[in-house]
């Protein structure tokens, strides 16, 4: 079992809520970057067999923290959502400003503490670095690790 993204059951409604939340994070700083859209497409294809298309969800209103909390009723779903939001934010090489504010608002309503968000952020950074550590270009790996802090 993958410890970063454990296998959990996600209903179509939950997948749609997560996708809307991820779109909100992606849009928080002015628009959806191509890398963010690719991450969203990958998540939605893996998690959903939903009735709504990803394009429909992209046009939908941003999911409020309260809507996310109503849809994601377990601790596992809530924690995976926050980790995925942080991963989404890092897709464009930064996690700050409005993206961070939105993730923190989601976390607060979901009952996830600031310390837990920091742990999730650390786990995301480790996950991102581990995915590139086998690359031959060591200098590029070091540069990415520095950016992640």
Protein backbone atom coordinates (compact mmCIF):
# COMPACT_ATOMS: atom_id res chain seq x y z
CA UNK A 1 0.00 0.00 0.00
CA UNK A 2 1.24 3.49 -0.85
CA UNK A 3 1.72 5.41 2.39
CA UNK A 4 1.61 8.79 0.67
CA UNK A 5 -1.71 8.11 -1.03
CA UNK A 6 -3.30 5.16 0.76
CA UNK A 7 -6.03 3.31 -1.09
CA UNK A 8 -9.38 4.56 0.11
CA UNK A 9 -12.85 4.38 -1.33
CA UNK A 10 -13.90 7.61 -3.02
CA UNK A 11 -17.45 7.99 -4.28
CA UNK A 12 -18.26 9.93 -7.43
CA UNK A 13 -19.65 12.77 -5.28
CA UNK A 14 -16.47 12.88 -3.20
CA UNK A 15 -14.25 12.80 -6.31
CA UNK A 16 -16.22 15.72 -7.75
CA UNK A 17 -15.89 17.69 -4.49
CA UNK A 18 -12.15 17.01 -4.40
CA UNK A 19 -11.76 18.03 -8.05
CA UNK A 20 -13.69 21.28 -7.44
CA UNK A 21 -11.47 21.98 -4.43
CA UNK A 22 -8.36 21.29 -6.46
CA UNK A 23 -9.57 23.61 -9.21
CA UNK A 24 -10.07 26.28 -6.56
CA UNK A 25 -6.47 25.85 -5.38
CA UNK A 26 -5.20 25.90 -8.96
CA UNK A 27 -7.16 29.09 -9.71
CA UNK A 28 -6.25 30.81 -6.45
CA UNK A 29 -3.43 32.75 -8.03
CA UNK A 30 -5.01 33.68 -11.32
CA UNK A 31 -5.45 30.64 -13.50
CA UNK A 32 -4.93 26.94 -14.00
CA UNK A 33 -1.37 26.08 -15.05
CA UNK A 34 -0.98 23.21 -17.54
CA UNK A 35 0.83 21.10 -14.93
CA UNK A 36 -2.06 21.66 -12.53
CA UNK A 37 -4.58 20.63 -15.17
CA UNK A 38 -2.57 17.47 -15.88
CA UNK A 39 -2.56 16.58 -12.18
CA UNK A 40 -6.31 17.17 -11.99
CA UNK A 41 -6.95 15.04 -15.05
CA UNK A 42 -4.85 12.23 -13.58
CA UNK A 43 -6.65 12.36 -10.23
CA UNK A 44 -10.11 12.52 -11.75
CA UNK A 45 -9.44 9.70 -14.21
CA UNK A 46 -8.15 7.48 -11.38
CA UNK A 47 -10.73 8.39 -8.74
CA UNK A 48 -13.94 9.03 -10.58
CA UNK A 49 -16.33 7.32 -12.77
CA UNK A 50 -18.46 10.35 -12.21
CA UNK A 51 -21.26 11.61 -14.33
CA UNK A 52 -19.73 15.06 -14.71
CA UNK A 53 -16.84 15.72 -17.04
CA UNK A 54 -13.70 17.40 -15.84
CA UNK A 55 -14.55 20.35 -18.11
CA UNK A 56 -17.90 20.75 -16.29
CA UNK A 57 -16.13 20.70 -12.95
CA UNK A 58 -13.65 23.28 -14.19
CA UNK A 59 -16.57 25.60 -15.02
CA UNK A 60 -18.30 24.92 -11.69
CA UNK A 61 -18.02 27.33 -8.78
CA UNK A 62 -15.10 26.84 -6.43
CA UNK A 63 -15.90 24.39 -3.67
CA UNK A 64 -16.29 26.13 -0.33
CA UNK A 65 -14.61 24.66 2.74
CA UNK A 66 -18.07 23.80 4.06
CA UNK A 67 -18.95 21.87 0.87
CA UNK A 68 -15.68 19.96 1.11
CA UNK A 69 -16.34 19.15 4.77
CA UNK A 70 -19.85 17.90 3.95
CA UNK A 71 -18.57 15.64 1.16
CA UNK A 72 -15.43 14.34 2.86
CA UNK A 73 -16.67 12.79 6.06
CA UNK A 74 -13.71 10.64 7.10
CA UNK A 75 -10.32 11.63 8.42
CA UNK A 76 -8.62 9.62 5.66
CA UNK A 77 -10.49 11.47 2.90
CA UNK A 78 -9.85 14.84 4.51
CA UNK A 79 -6.13 14.21 4.91
CA UNK A 80 -5.74 12.90 1.35
CA UNK A 81 -7.59 16.01 0.12
CA UNK A 82 -5.24 18.38 1.97
CA UNK A 83 -2.14 16.51 0.74
CA UNK A 84 -3.50 16.62 -2.80
CA UNK A 85 -4.20 20.35 -2.48
CA UNK A 86 -0.61 20.93 -1.39
CA UNK A 87 0.65 18.79 -4.26
CA UNK A 88 -1.57 20.81 -6.61
CA UNK A 89 -0.16 24.06 -5.26
CA UNK A 90 3.42 22.86 -5.83
CA UNK A 91 2.64 21.90 -9.45
CA UNK A 92 3.58 25.43 -10.52
CA UNK A 93 6.74 25.43 -8.33
CA UNK A 94 5.40 27.45 -5.42
CA UNK A 95 3.03 27.08 -2.50
CA UNK A 96 2.39 30.46 -1.04
CA UNK A 97 0.06 33.42 -1.07
CA UNK A 98 -3.53 32.74 -1.99
CA UNK A 99 -2.97 29.00 -2.56
CA UNK A 100 -1.63 28.58 0.97
CA UNK A 101 -4.44 30.70 2.42
CA UNK A 102 -7.09 28.58 0.69
CA UNK A 103 -5.50 25.27 1.74
CA UNK A 104 -5.35 26.56 5.32
CA UNK A 105 -9.05 27.55 5.18
CA UNK A 106 -9.96 24.09 3.90
CA UNK A 107 -7.83 22.47 6.61
CA UNK A 108 -9.37 24.54 9.39
CA UNK A 109 -12.95 23.61 8.44
CA UNK A 110 -11.89 19.97 8.00
CA UNK A 111 -10.46 19.92 11.52
CA UNK A 112 -6.85 19.56 10.38
CA UNK A 113 -4.43 21.50 12.59
CA UNK A 114 -1.65 23.80 11.40
CA UNK A 115 0.87 21.20 12.64
CA UNK A 116 -0.82 18.50 10.54
CA UNK A 117 -0.81 20.77 7.48
CA UNK A 118 2.92 21.33 8.04
CA UNK A 119 3.42 17.53 8.27
CA UNK A 120 1.46 17.08 5.03
CA UNK A 121 3.55 19.76 3.34
CA UNK A 122 6.74 18.03 4.46
CA UNK A 123 5.41 14.69 3.16
CA UNK A 124 4.55 16.30 -0.20
CA UNK A 125 8.04 17.77 -0.50
CA UNK A 126 9.59 14.39 0.30
CA UNK A 127 7.29 12.72 -2.22
CA UNK A 128 8.26 15.21 -4.93
CA UNK A 129 11.99 14.90 -4.24
CA UNK A 130 11.81 11.08 -4.08
CA UNK A 131 10.17 11.01 -7.50
CA UNK A 132 13.14 12.79 -9.09
CA UNK A 133 16.03 11.49 -7.00
CA UNK A 134 16.83 8.72 -9.51
CA UNK A 135 17.40 11.21 -12.31
CA UNK A 136 20.91 11.38 -13.73
CA UNK A 137 21.06 15.19 -13.61
CA UNK A 138 22.08 15.61 -9.96
CA UNK A 139 22.36 19.39 -10.27
CA UNK A 140 18.72 19.64 -11.38
CA UNK A 141 17.62 17.45 -8.47
CA UNK A 142 19.54 19.68 -6.04
CA UNK A 143 17.93 22.80 -7.57
CA UNK A 144 14.43 21.36 -7.18
CA UNK A 145 15.13 20.27 -3.60
CA UNK A 146 16.31 23.81 -2.78
CA UNK A 147 13.11 25.29 -4.23
CA UNK A 148 11.01 22.94 -2.09
CA UNK A 149 12.91 24.06 0.98
